[in-house]
Amino acid sequence: MNLFIKLLGTGVSLGAGFVGTKLVNTIWEKSTGRKPPTGKDEDVPTSLQSALTFALISASVSTIIQVLANRGTQRAITRFAKSQDIV
């Protein structure tokens, strides 16, 4: 069961990362009026300042999501261990 909780935590982390990326991309597009500078679109000119700002925001959101997912997984493992001791 401990392995199941860890796998579930990994799945939640991946899902939250996907949602976070879509959220950052959507907010970036709404606030700047341009597509996010992902490097995939060669025809969209991107300034260095724009690329660095996007990278900083994206990395910050990713780190926050990773920390919250890890904390949630640890909390679930602790709860599971306590409930196993009771039974």
C-alpha atoms as a PDB file:
ATOM      1  CA  MET A   1       0.000   0.000   0.000  1.00  0.00           C
ATOM      2  CA  ASN A   2       2.928   2.330   0.681  1.00  0.00           C
ATOM      3  CA  LEU A   3       4.057   1.872  -2.921  1.00  0.00           C
ATOM      4  CA  PHE A   4       0.526   2.666  -4.091  1.00  0.00           C
ATOM      5  CA  ILE A   5       0.538   5.960  -2.162  1.00  0.00           C
ATOM      6  CA  LYS A   6       3.927   6.896  -3.614  1.00  0.00           C
ATOM      7  CA  LEU A   7       2.706   6.114  -7.128  1.00  0.00           C
ATOM      8  CA  LEU A   8      -0.443   8.092  -6.462  1.00  0.00           C
ATOM      9  CA  GLY A   9       1.701  11.001  -5.258  1.00  0.00           C
ATOM     10  CA  THR A  10       3.740  10.813  -8.453  1.00  0.00           C
ATOM     11  CA  GLY A  11       0.581  10.801 -10.536  1.00  0.00           C
ATOM     12  CA  VAL A  12      -0.831  13.774  -8.645  1.00  0.00           C
ATOM     13  CA  SER A  13       2.464  15.622  -9.079  1.00  0.00           C
ATOM     14  CA  LEU A  14       2.482  14.986 -12.838  1.00  0.00           C
ATOM     15  CA  GLY A  15      -1.145  16.015 -13.191  1.00  0.00           C
ATOM     16  CA  ALA A  16      -0.618  19.147 -11.124  1.00  0.00           C
ATOM     17  CA  GLY A  17       2.471  19.984 -13.185  1.00  0.00           C
ATOM     18  CA  PHE A  18       0.470  19.689 -16.391  1.00  0.00           C
ATOM     19  CA  VAL A  19      -2.311  21.887 -15.010  1.00  0.00           C
ATOM     20  CA  GLY A  20       0.240  24.388 -13.692  1.00  0.00           C
ATOM     21  CA  THR A  21       1.944  24.615 -17.074  1.00  0.00           C
ATOM     22  CA  LYS A  22      -1.362  25.197 -18.846  1.00  0.00           C
ATOM     23  CA  LEU A  23      -2.306  27.808 -16.231  1.00  0.00           C
ATOM     24  CA  VAL A  24       0.980  29.713 -16.613  1.00  0.00           C
ATOM     25  CA  ASN A  25       0.717  29.572 -20.408  1.00  0.00           C
ATOM     26  CA  THR A  26      -2.883  30.840 -20.353  1.00  0.00           C
ATOM     27  CA  ILE A  27      -2.145  33.657 -17.909  1.00  0.00           C
ATOM     28  CA  TRP A  28       0.927  34.652 -19.938  1.00  0.00           C
ATOM     29  CA  GLU A  29      -1.072  34.756 -23.156  1.00  0.00           C
ATOM     30  CA  LYS A  30      -3.921  36.761 -21.562  1.00  0.00           C
ATOM     31  CA  SER A  31      -1.616  39.288 -19.883  1.00  0.00           C
ATOM     32  CA  THR A  32       0.876  39.850 -22.720  1.00  0.00           C
ATOM     33  CA  GLY A  33      -1.269  39.087 -25.749  1.00  0.00           C
ATOM     34  CA  ARG A  34       1.451  36.795 -27.131  1.00  0.00           C
ATOM     35  CA  LYS A  35       2.082  33.078 -27.048  1.00  0.00           C
ATOM     36  CA  PRO A  36       4.474  31.928 -24.322  1.00  0.00           C
ATOM     37  CA  PRO A  37       8.127  31.706 -25.404  1.00  0.00           C
ATOM     38  CA  THR A  38       8.532  27.935 -25.363  1.00  0.00           C
ATOM     39  CA  GLY A  39      11.108  27.717 -28.146  1.00  0.00           C
ATOM     40  CA  LYS A  40       8.858  25.564 -30.315  1.00  0.00           C
ATOM     41  CA  ASP A  41       7.642  28.412 -32.529  1.00  0.00           C
ATOM     42  CA  GLU A  42      10.563  29.678 -34.564  1.00  0.00           C
ATOM     43  CA  ASP A  43       8.434  32.285 -36.330  1.00  0.00           C
ATOM     44  CA  VAL A  44       7.506  34.117 -33.097  1.00  0.00           C
ATOM     45  CA  PRO A  45      10.219  36.639 -32.158  1.00  0.00           C
ATOM     46  CA  THR A  46      11.006  36.619 -28.445  1.00  0.00           C
ATOM     47  CA  SER A  47      13.137  39.081 -26.531  1.00  0.00           C
ATOM     48  CA  LEU A  48      15.608  37.859 -23.947  1.00  0.00           C
ATOM     49  CA  GLN A  49      13.739  39.729 -21.219  1.00  0.00           C
ATOM     50  CA  SER A  50      10.474  38.066 -22.165  1.00  0.00           C
ATOM     51  CA  ALA A  51      12.041  34.601 -22.267  1.00  0.00           C
ATOM     52  CA  LEU A  52      13.773  35.050 -18.897  1.00  0.00           C
ATOM     53  CA  THR A  53      10.621  36.405 -17.255  1.00  0.00           C
ATOM     54  CA  PHE A  54       8.584  33.485 -18.538  1.00  0.00           C
ATOM     55  CA  ALA A  55      11.254  31.004 -17.409  1.00  0.00           C
ATOM     56  CA  LEU A  56      11.356  32.529 -13.916  1.00  0.00           C
ATOM     57  CA  ILE A  57       7.573  32.445 -13.515  1.00  0.00           C
ATOM     58  CA  SER A  58       7.301  28.931 -14.931  1.00  0.00           C
ATOM     59  CA  ALA A  59      10.087  27.584 -12.703  1.00  0.00           C
ATOM     60  CA  SER A  60       8.562  29.198  -9.614  1.00  0.00           C
ATOM     61  CA  VAL A  61       5.150  27.662 -10.267  1.00  0.00           C
ATOM     62  CA  SER A  62       6.764  24.280 -10.966  1.00  0.00           C
ATOM     63  CA  THR A  63       8.716  24.373  -7.708  1.00  0.00           C
ATOM     64  CA  ILE A  64       5.647  25.321  -5.679  1.00  0.00           C
ATOM     65  CA  ILE A  65       3.679  22.466  -7.247  1.00  0.00           C
ATOM     66  CA  GLN A  66       6.484  19.999  -6.530  1.00  0.00           C
ATOM     67  CA  VAL A  67       6.737  21.048  -2.872  1.00  0.00           C
ATOM     68  CA  LEU A  68       2.968  20.867  -2.342  1.00  0.00           C
ATOM     69  CA  ALA A  69       2.744  17.453  -4.010  1.00  0.00           C
ATOM     70  CA  ASN A  70       5.597  16.107  -1.883  1.00  0.00           C
ATOM     71  CA  ARG A  71       4.004  17.433   1.294  1.00  0.00           C
ATOM     72  CA  GLY A  72       0.677  15.909   0.362  1.00  0.00           C
ATOM     73  CA  THR A  73       2.293  12.547  -0.337  1.00  0.00           C
ATOM     74  CA  GLN A  74       4.142  12.598   2.974  1.00  0.00           C
ATOM     75  CA  ARG A  75       0.917  13.486   4.783  1.00  0.00           C
ATOM     76  CA  ALA A  76      -0.896  10.599   3.087  1.00  0.00           C
ATOM     77  CA  ILE A  77       1.890   8.160   4.008  1.00  0.00           C
ATOM     78  CA  THR A  78       1.753   9.342   7.636  1.00  0.00           C
ATOM     79  CA  ARG A  79      -2.037   8.948   7.773  1.00  0.00           C
ATOM     80  CA  PHE A  80      -1.808   5.505   6.231  1.00  0.00           C
ATOM     81  CA  ALA A  81       0.844   4.428   8.755  1.00  0.00           C
ATOM     82  CA  LYS A  82      -1.303   5.698  11.658  1.00  0.00           C
ATOM     83  CA  SER A  83      -4.431   3.936  10.393  1.00  0.00           C
ATOM     84  CA  GLN A  84      -2.452   0.733   9.911  1.00  0.00           C
ATOM     85  CA  ASP A  85      -1.260   0.897  13.538  1.00  0.00           C
ATOM     86  CA  ILE A  86      -4.839   1.289  14.779  1.00  0.00           C
ATOM     87  CA  VAL A  87      -6.098  -1.730  12.811  1.00  0.00           C
END
